[in-house]
PDB file of N, CA and C in Angstrom:
ATOM      1  N   MET A   1      42.735 -50.280  61.760  1.00  0.00           N
ATOM      2  CA  MET A   1      42.510 -51.393  60.852  1.00  0.00           C
ATOM      3  C   MET A   1      41.890 -52.560  61.637  1.00  0.00           C
ATOM      4  N   ILE A   2      40.968 -53.274  61.000  1.00  0.00           N
ATOM      5  CA  ILE A   2      40.316 -54.414  61.638  1.00  0.00           C
ATOM      6  C   ILE A   2      41.206 -55.643  61.523  1.00  0.00           C
ATOM      7  N   ASN A   3      41.447 -56.300  62.652  1.00  0.00           N
ATOM      8  CA  ASN A   3      42.225 -57.526  62.666  1.00  0.00           C
ATOM      9  C   ASN A   3      41.311 -58.672  62.239  1.00  0.00           C
ATOM     10  N   ARG A   4      41.530 -59.219  61.060  1.00  0.00           N
ATOM     11  CA  ARG A   4      40.663 -60.265  60.502  1.00  0.00           C
ATOM     12  C   ARG A   4      40.691 -61.551  61.320  1.00  0.00           C
ATOM     13  N   LYS A   5      41.722 -61.721  62.156  1.00  0.00           N
ATOM     14  CA  LYS A   5      41.804 -62.921  62.990  1.00  0.00           C
ATOM     15  C   LYS A   5      40.885 -62.835  64.205  1.00  0.00           C
ATOM     16  N   GLU A   6      40.351 -61.636  64.485  1.00  0.00           N
ATOM     17  CA  GLU A   6      39.486 -61.442  65.640  1.00  0.00           C
ATOM     18  C   GLU A   6      38.005 -61.422  65.281  1.00  0.00           C
ATOM     19  N   VAL A   7      37.668 -61.806  64.062  1.00  0.00           N
ATOM     20  CA  VAL A   7      36.260 -61.835  63.671  1.00  0.00           C
ATOM     21  C   VAL A   7      35.777 -63.275  63.588  1.00  0.00           C
ATOM     22  N   ILE A   8      34.483 -63.450  63.793  1.00  0.00           N
ATOM     23  CA  ILE A   8      33.850 -64.760  63.706  1.00  0.00           C
ATOM     24  C   ILE A   8      32.849 -64.685  62.565  1.00  0.00           C
ATOM     25  N   HIS A   9      32.838 -65.692  61.699  1.00  0.00           N
ATOM     26  CA  HIS A   9      31.848 -65.710  60.629  1.00  0.00           C
ATOM     27  C   HIS A   9      30.513 -66.185  61.189  1.00  0.00           C
ATOM     28  N   VAL A  10      29.479 -65.427  60.893  1.00  0.00           N
ATOM     29  CA  VAL A  10      28.108 -65.753  61.286  1.00  0.00           C
ATOM     30  C   VAL A  10      27.239 -65.619  60.034  1.00  0.00           C
ATOM     31  N   TYR A  11      25.965 -65.977  60.165  1.00  0.00           N
ATOM     32  CA  TYR A  11      25.089 -66.051  59.000  1.00  0.00           C
ATOM     33  C   TYR A  11      23.820 -65.252  59.264  1.00  0.00           C
ATOM     34  N   ALA A  12      23.630 -64.224  58.466  1.00  0.00           N
ATOM     35  CA  ALA A  12      22.469 -63.355  58.610  1.00  0.00           C
ATOM     36  C   ALA A  12      21.323 -63.896  57.765  1.00  0.00           C
ATOM     37  N   VAL A  13      20.122 -63.896  58.343  1.00  0.00           N
ATOM     38  CA  VAL A  13      18.910 -64.205  57.593  1.00  0.00           C
ATOM     39  C   VAL A  13      18.299 -62.868  57.201  1.00  0.00           C
ATOM     40  N   LEU A  14      18.150 -62.651  55.894  1.00  0.00           N
ATOM     41  CA  LEU A  14      17.649 -61.402  55.352  1.00  0.00           C
ATOM     42  C   LEU A  14      16.265 -61.596  54.750  1.00  0.00           C
ATOM     43  N   ARG A  15      15.466 -60.528  54.772  1.00  0.00           N
ATOM     44  CA  ARG A  15      14.121 -60.573  54.196  1.00  0.00           C
ATOM     45  C   ARG A  15      13.958 -59.430  53.211  1.00  0.00           C
ATOM     46  N   TYR A  16      13.452 -59.755  52.027  1.00  0.00           N
ATOM     47  CA  TYR A  16      13.127 -58.763  51.012  1.00  0.00           C
ATOM     48  C   TYR A  16      11.615 -58.632  50.960  1.00  0.00           C
ATOM     49  N   ASP A  17      11.106 -57.450  51.263  1.00  0.00           N
ATOM     50  CA  ASP A  17       9.681 -57.171  51.193  1.00  0.00           C
ATOM     51  C   ASP A  17       9.420 -56.395  49.909  1.00  0.00           C
ATOM     52  N   LYS A  18       8.590 -56.965  49.032  1.00  0.00           N
ATOM     53  CA  LYS A  18       8.285 -56.310  47.763  1.00  0.00           C
ATOM     54  C   LYS A  18       7.460 -55.051  47.967  1.00  0.00           C
ATOM     55  N   TYR A  19       6.511 -55.107  48.883  1.00  0.00           N
ATOM     56  CA  TYR A  19       5.645 -53.957  49.109  1.00  0.00           C
ATOM     57  C   TYR A  19       5.092 -54.021  50.522  1.00  0.00           C
ATOM     58  N   LEU A  20       5.140 -52.917  51.214  1.00  0.00           N
ATOM     59  CA  LEU A  20       4.582 -52.838  52.557  1.00  0.00           C
ATOM     60  C   LEU A  20       3.405 -51.868  52.537  1.00  0.00           C
ATOM     61  N   PRO A  21       2.176 -52.365  52.718  1.00  0.00           N
ATOM     62  CA  PRO A  21       1.013 -51.484  52.703  1.00  0.00           C
ATOM     63  C   PRO A  21       1.165 -50.350  53.728  1.00  0.00           C
ATOM     64  N   GLY A  22       0.796 -49.149  53.310  1.00  0.00           N
ATOM     65  CA  GLY A  22       0.865 -47.997  54.196  1.00  0.00           C
ATOM     66  C   GLY A  22       2.249 -47.389  54.316  1.00  0.00           C
ATOM     67  N   SER A  23       3.199 -47.886  53.546  1.00  0.00           N
ATOM     68  CA  SER A  23       4.568 -47.380  53.630  1.00  0.00           C
ATOM     69  C   SER A  23       4.909 -46.560  52.388  1.00  0.00           C
ATOM     70  N   ASP A  24       5.726 -45.544  52.578  1.00  0.00           N
ATOM     71  CA  ASP A  24       6.218 -44.772  51.444  1.00  0.00           C
ATOM     72  C   ASP A  24       7.376 -45.481  50.752  1.00  0.00           C
ATOM     73  N   ILE A  25       7.874 -46.536  51.380  1.00  0.00           N
ATOM     74  CA  ILE A  25       9.007 -47.282  50.844  1.00  0.00           C
ATOM     75  C   ILE A  25       8.472 -48.474  50.052  1.00  0.00           C
ATOM     76  N   PRO A  26       8.700 -48.502  48.727  1.00  0.00           N
ATOM     77  CA  PRO A  26       8.137 -49.584  47.918  1.00  0.00           C
ATOM     78  C   PRO A  26       8.807 -50.942  48.144  1.00  0.00           C
ATOM     79  N   GLN A  27      10.055 -50.942  48.561  1.00  0.00           N
ATOM     80  CA  GLN A  27      10.792 -52.182  48.785  1.00  0.00           C
ATOM     81  C   GLN A  27      11.653 -52.016  50.028  1.00  0.00           C
ATOM     82  N   ARG A  28      11.919 -53.129  50.696  1.00  0.00           N
ATOM     83  CA  ARG A  28      12.734 -53.044  51.907  1.00  0.00           C
ATOM     84  C   ARG A  28      13.498 -54.346  52.108  1.00  0.00           C
ATOM     85  N   ILE A  29      14.758 -54.232  52.525  1.00  0.00           N
ATOM     86  CA  ILE A  29      15.562 -55.392  52.912  1.00  0.00           C
ATOM     87  C   ILE A  29      15.856 -55.244  54.391  1.00  0.00           C
ATOM     88  N   THR A  30      15.583 -56.315  55.145  1.00  0.00           N
ATOM     89  CA  THR A  30      15.738 -56.302  56.597  1.00  0.00           C
ATOM     90  C   THR A  30      16.619 -57.459  57.033  1.00  0.00           C
ATOM     91  N   VAL A  31      17.542 -57.208  57.970  1.00  0.00           N
ATOM     92  CA  VAL A  31      18.265 -58.298  58.621  1.00  0.00           C
ATOM     93  C   VAL A  31      17.334 -58.809  59.714  1.00  0.00           C
ATOM     94  N   LYS A  32      16.827 -60.025  59.525  1.00  0.00           N
ATOM     95  CA  LYS A  32      15.857 -60.564  60.470  1.00  0.00           C
ATOM     96  C   LYS A  32      16.547 -61.114  61.711  1.00  0.00           C
ATOM     97  N   GLU A  33      17.614 -61.882  61.515  1.00  0.00           N
ATOM     98  CA  GLU A  33      18.328 -62.464  62.648  1.00  0.00           C
ATOM     99  C   GLU A  33      19.699 -62.953  62.204  1.00  0.00           C
ATOM    100  N   ILE A  34      20.541 -63.254  63.182  1.00  0.00           N
ATOM    101  CA  ILE A  34      21.894 -63.748  62.950  1.00  0.00           C
ATOM    102  C   ILE A  34      22.002 -65.134  63.586  1.00  0.00           C
ATOM    103  N   HIS A  35      22.645 -66.074  62.865  1.00  0.00           N
ATOM    104  CA  HIS A  35      22.817 -67.440  63.383  1.00  0.00           C
ATOM    105  C   HIS A  35      24.296 -67.819  63.391  1.00  0.00           C
ATOM    106  N   PRO A  36      24.683 -68.695  64.325  1.00  0.00           N
ATOM    107  CA  PRO A  36      26.098 -69.059  64.446  1.00  0.00           C
ATOM    108  C   PRO A  36      26.578 -70.055  63.396  1.00  0.00           C
ATOM    109  N   THR A  37      25.658 -70.807  62.780  1.00  0.00           N
ATOM    110  CA  THR A  37      26.082 -71.804  61.787  1.00  0.00           C
ATOM    111  C   THR A  37      25.263 -71.669  60.504  1.00  0.00           C
ATOM    112  N   LEU A  38      25.879 -72.092  59.408  1.00  0.00           N
ATOM    113  CA  LEU A  38      25.206 -72.060  58.118  1.00  0.00           C
ATOM    114  C   LEU A  38      23.994 -72.988  58.113  1.00  0.00           C
ATOM    115  N   GLU A  39      24.115 -74.138  58.746  1.00  0.00           N
ATOM    116  CA  GLU A  39      23.014 -75.102  58.765  1.00  0.00           C
ATOM    117  C   GLU A  39      21.759 -74.524  59.419  1.00  0.00           C
ATOM    118  N   ILE A  40      21.937 -73.828  60.523  1.00  0.00           N
ATOM    119  CA  ILE A  40      20.793 -73.218  61.211  1.00  0.00           C
ATOM    120  C   ILE A  40      20.189 -72.124  60.335  1.00  0.00           C
ATOM    121  N   ALA A  41      21.029 -71.299  59.732  1.00  0.00           N
ATOM    122  CA  ALA A  41      20.535 -70.217  58.877  1.00  0.00           C
ATOM    123  C   ALA A  41      19.777 -70.770  57.677  1.00  0.00           C
ATOM    124  N   GLN A  42      20.314 -71.805  57.034  1.00  0.00           N
ATOM    125  CA  GLN A  42      19.640 -72.409  55.880  1.00  0.00           C
ATOM    126  C   GLN A  42      18.290 -72.994  56.275  1.00  0.00           C
ATOM    127  N   ALA A  43      18.246 -73.678  57.409  1.00  0.00           N
ATOM    128  CA  ALA A  43      16.990 -74.273  57.878  1.00  0.00           C
ATOM    129  C   ALA A  43      15.953 -73.179  58.172  1.00  0.00           C
ATOM    130  N   GLU A  44      16.382 -72.088  58.761  1.00  0.00           N
ATOM    131  CA  GLU A  44      15.465 -70.994  59.080  1.00  0.00           C
ATOM    132  C   GLU A  44      14.956 -70.318  57.801  1.00  0.00           C
ATOM    133  N   VAL A  45      15.826 -70.137  56.821  1.00  0.00           N
ATOM    134  CA  VAL A  45      15.421 -69.553  55.538  1.00  0.00           C
ATOM    135  C   VAL A  45      14.378 -70.447  54.864  1.00  0.00           C
ATOM    136  N   ASP A  46      14.627 -71.755  54.845  1.00  0.00           N
ATOM    137  CA  ASP A  46      13.666 -72.695  54.257  1.00  0.00           C
ATOM    138  C   ASP A  46      12.321 -72.623  54.975  1.00  0.00           C
ATOM    139  N   ARG A  47      12.355 -72.610  56.310  1.00  0.00           N
ATOM    140  CA  ARG A  47      11.130 -72.560  57.104  1.00  0.00           C
ATOM    141  C   ARG A  47      10.343 -71.274  56.827  1.00  0.00           C
ATOM    142  N   LEU A  48      11.048 -70.141  56.826  1.00  0.00           N
ATOM    143  CA  LEU A  48      10.379 -68.856  56.616  1.00  0.00           C
ATOM    144  C   LEU A  48       9.806 -68.730  55.198  1.00  0.00           C
ATOM    145  N   ASN A  49      10.548 -69.203  54.194  1.00  0.00           N
ATOM    146  CA  ASN A  49      10.035 -69.149  52.825  1.00  0.00           C
ATOM    147  C   ASN A  49       8.806 -70.035  52.656  1.00  0.00           C
ATOM    148  N   GLN A  50       8.801 -71.215  53.273  1.00  0.00           N
ATOM    149  CA  GLN A  50       7.632 -72.100  53.208  1.00  0.00           C
ATOM    150  C   GLN A  50       6.438 -71.471  53.913  1.00  0.00           C
ATOM    151  N   LEU A  51       6.675 -70.885  55.078  1.00  0.00           N
ATOM    152  CA  LEU A  51       5.608 -70.238  55.835  1.00  0.00           C
ATOM    153  C   LEU A  51       5.018 -69.063  55.052  1.00  0.00           C
ATOM    154  N   THR A  52       5.879 -68.244  54.476  1.00  0.00           N
ATOM    155  CA  THR A  52       5.428 -67.093  53.690  1.00  0.00           C
ATOM    156  C   THR A  52       4.613 -67.548  52.487  1.00  0.00           C
ATOM    157  N   LYS A  53       5.093 -68.577  51.806  1.00  0.00           N
ATOM    158  CA  LYS A  53       4.387 -69.094  50.632  1.00  0.00           C
ATOM    159  C   LYS A  53       3.008 -69.629  51.020  1.00  0.00           C
ATOM    160  N   SER A  54       2.927 -70.343  52.137  1.00  0.00           N
ATOM    161  CA  SER A  54       1.654 -70.930  52.566  1.00  0.00           C
ATOM    162  C   SER A  54       0.628 -69.858  52.946  1.00  0.00           C
ATOM    163  N   LYS A  55       1.114 -68.684  53.347  1.00  0.00           N
ATOM    164  CA  LYS A  55       0.217 -67.594  53.731  1.00  0.00           C
ATOM    165  C   LYS A  55      -0.028 -66.617  52.580  1.00  0.00           C
ATOM    166  N   GLY A  56       0.563 -66.896  51.422  1.00  0.00           N
ATOM    167  CA  GLY A  56       0.372 -66.015  50.267  1.00  0.00           C
ATOM    168  C   GLY A  56       1.156 -64.726  50.338  1.00  0.00           C
ATOM    169  N   GLY A  57       2.176 -64.693  51.171  1.00  0.00           N
ATOM    170  CA  GLY A  57       2.988 -63.487  51.316  1.00  0.00           C
ATOM    171  C   GLY A  57       3.927 -63.277  50.143  1.00  0.00           C
ATOM    172  N   GLU A  58       4.491 -62.081  50.084  1.00  0.00           N
ATOM    173  CA  GLU A  58       5.399 -61.743  48.991  1.00  0.00           C
ATOM    174  C   GLU A  58       6.833 -61.539  49.451  1.00  0.00           C
ATOM    175  N   SER A  59       7.129 -61.832  50.690  1.00  0.00           N
ATOM    176  CA  SER A  59       8.498 -61.679  51.181  1.00  0.00           C
ATOM    177  C   SER A  59       9.354 -62.845  50.707  1.00  0.00           C
ATOM    178  N   ILE A  60      10.638 -62.576  50.552  1.00  0.00           N
ATOM    179  CA  ILE A  60      11.603 -63.613  50.174  1.00  0.00           C
ATOM    180  C   ILE A  60      12.724 -63.574  51.204  1.00  0.00           C
ATOM    181  N   TYR A  61      13.121 -64.740  51.707  1.00  0.00           N
ATOM    182  CA  TYR A  61      14.200 -64.848  52.687  1.00  0.00           C
ATOM    183  C   TYR A  61      15.407 -65.514  52.056  1.00  0.00           C
ATOM    184  N   TRP A  62      16.608 -65.098  52.482  1.00  0.00           N
ATOM    185  CA  TRP A  62      17.848 -65.749  52.089  1.00  0.00           C
ATOM    186  C   TRP A  62      18.874 -65.496  53.176  1.00  0.00           C
ATOM    187  N   TRP A  63      19.994 -66.203  53.101  1.00  0.00           N
ATOM    188  CA  TRP A  63      21.049 -66.032  54.097  1.00  0.00           C
ATOM    189  C   TRP A  63      22.277 -65.430  53.432  1.00  0.00           C
ATOM    190  N   CYS A  64      23.121 -64.830  54.257  1.00  0.00           N
ATOM    191  CA  CYS A  64      24.352 -64.203  53.786  1.00  0.00           C
ATOM    192  C   CYS A  64      25.407 -64.332  54.884  1.00  0.00           C
ATOM    193  N   THR A  65      26.612 -64.692  54.495  1.00  0.00           N
ATOM    194  CA  THR A  65      27.717 -64.755  55.456  1.00  0.00           C
ATOM    195  C   THR A  65      28.138 -63.330  55.816  1.00  0.00           C
ATOM    196  N   THR A  66      28.398 -63.105  57.104  1.00  0.00           N
ATOM    197  CA  THR A  66      28.896 -61.809  57.557  1.00  0.00           C
ATOM    198  C   THR A  66      29.875 -62.043  58.700  1.00  0.00           C
ATOM    199  N   ARG A  67      30.353 -60.995  59.324  1.00  0.00           N
ATOM    200  CA  ARG A  67      31.352 -61.125  60.393  1.00  0.00           C
ATOM    201  C   ARG A  67      30.822 -60.528  61.689  1.00  0.00           C
ATOM    202  N   TRP A  68      31.220 -61.146  62.782  1.00  0.00           N
ATOM    203  CA  TRP A  68      30.887 -60.653  64.121  1.00  0.00           C
ATOM    204  C   TRP A  68      32.184 -60.271  64.806  1.00  0.00           C
ATOM    205  N   ARG A  69      32.235 -59.053  65.301  1.00  0.00           N
ATOM    206  CA  ARG A  69      33.394 -58.598  66.076  1.00  0.00           C
ATOM    207  C   ARG A  69      33.003 -58.579  67.546  1.00  0.00           C
ATOM    208  N   SER A  70      33.844 -59.153  68.390  1.00  0.00           N
ATOM    209  CA  SER A  70      33.530 -59.153  69.817  1.00  0.00           C
ATOM    210  C   SER A  70      34.077 -57.915  70.523  1.00  0.00           C
ATOM    211  N   GLY A  71      34.953 -57.200  69.888  1.00  0.00           N
ATOM    212  CA  GLY A  71      35.534 -56.012  70.511  1.00  0.00           C
ATOM    213  C   GLY A  71      35.085 -54.748  69.820  1.00  0.00           C
ATOM    214  N   PRO A  72      35.535 -53.606  70.322  1.00  0.00           N
ATOM    215  CA  PRO A  72      35.138 -52.330  69.719  1.00  0.00           C
ATOM    216  C   PRO A  72      35.803 -52.121  68.362  1.00  0.00           C
ATOM    217  N   LEU A  73      35.226 -51.275  67.562  1.00  0.00           N
ATOM    218  CA  LEU A  73      35.865 -50.897  66.310  1.00  0.00           C
ATOM    219  C   LEU A  73      37.089 -50.053  66.633  1.00  0.00           C
ATOM    220  N   PRO A  74      38.073 -50.035  65.743  1.00  0.00           N
ATOM    221  CA  PRO A  74      39.266 -49.226  65.997  1.00  0.00           C
ATOM    222  C   PRO A  74      38.890 -47.783  66.311  1.00  0.00           C
ATOM    223  N   GLY A  75      39.489 -47.228  67.353  1.00  0.00           N
ATOM    224  CA  GLY A  75      39.236 -45.850  67.743  1.00  0.00           C
ATOM    225  C   GLY A  75      38.089 -45.680  68.719  1.00  0.00           C
ATOM    226  N   MET A  76      37.339 -46.752  68.982  1.00  0.00           N
ATOM    227  CA  MET A  76      36.229 -46.664  69.924  1.00  0.00           C
ATOM    228  C   MET A  76      36.710 -47.052  71.322  1.00  0.00           C
ATOM    229  N   VAL A  77      36.132 -46.432  72.320  1.00  0.00           N
ATOM    230  CA  VAL A  77      36.485 -46.717  73.701  1.00  0.00           C
ATOM    231  C   VAL A  77      35.229 -47.187  74.426  1.00  0.00           C
ATOM    232  N   ALA A  78      35.336 -48.302  75.146  1.00  0.00           N
ATOM    233  CA  ALA A  78      34.190 -48.812  75.905  1.00  0.00           C
ATOM    234  C   ALA A  78      33.830 -47.839  77.017  1.00  0.00           C
ATOM    235  N   GLN A  79      32.548 -47.614  77.194  1.00  0.00           N
ATOM    236  CA  GLN A  79      32.062 -46.760  78.268  1.00  0.00           C
ATOM    237  C   GLN A  79      31.991 -47.572  79.560  1.00  0.00           C
ATOM    238  N   GLU A  80      31.917 -46.889  80.667  1.00  0.00           N
ATOM    239  CA  GLU A  80      31.831 -47.571  81.969  1.00  0.00           C
ATOM    240  C   GLU A  80      30.637 -48.528  81.976  1.00  0.00           C
ATOM    241  N   GLY A  81      30.918 -49.774  82.369  1.00  0.00           N
ATOM    242  CA  GLY A  81      29.863 -50.793  82.443  1.00  0.00           C
ATOM    243  C   GLY A  81      29.689 -51.600  81.171  1.00  0.00           C
ATOM    244  N   GLU A  82      30.320 -51.201  80.060  1.00  0.00           N
ATOM    245  CA  GLU A  82      30.221 -51.953  78.811  1.00  0.00           C
ATOM    246  C   GLU A  82      31.268 -53.069  78.808  1.00  0.00           C
ATOM    247  N   ASN A  83      30.899 -54.208  78.281  1.00  0.00           N
ATOM    248  CA  ASN A  83      31.800 -55.334  78.172  1.00  0.00           C
ATOM    249  C   ASN A  83      31.920 -55.702  76.695  1.00  0.00           C
ATOM    250  N   TRP A  84      33.098 -55.557  76.111  1.00  0.00           N
ATOM    251  CA  TRP A  84      33.301 -55.814  74.694  1.00  0.00           C
ATOM    252  C   TRP A  84      33.724 -57.238  74.410  1.00  0.00           C
ATOM    253  N   SER A  85      33.850 -58.074  75.420  1.00  0.00           N
ATOM    254  CA  SER A  85      34.348 -59.433  75.159  1.00  0.00           C
ATOM    255  C   SER A  85      33.220 -60.414  74.971  1.00  0.00           C
TER     256      SER A  85
END
């Protein structure tokens, strides 16, 4: 079981691509980056949406709260040389 007290809330910036030329996939959602604060994520989403709009792109950006775990998932064992902290 995941200990909820050991997670940190972070903010993912996501991108929705309506159509990618040359791709068999008509739509795609991508996690572009993760930010430590909501303010940074919101500012980045605003910047990316403005940039996309100015270039005539069809991508849409938004943010979503998610969790960051600093340790291994239950049942996982760190390999030699890995640092989970």
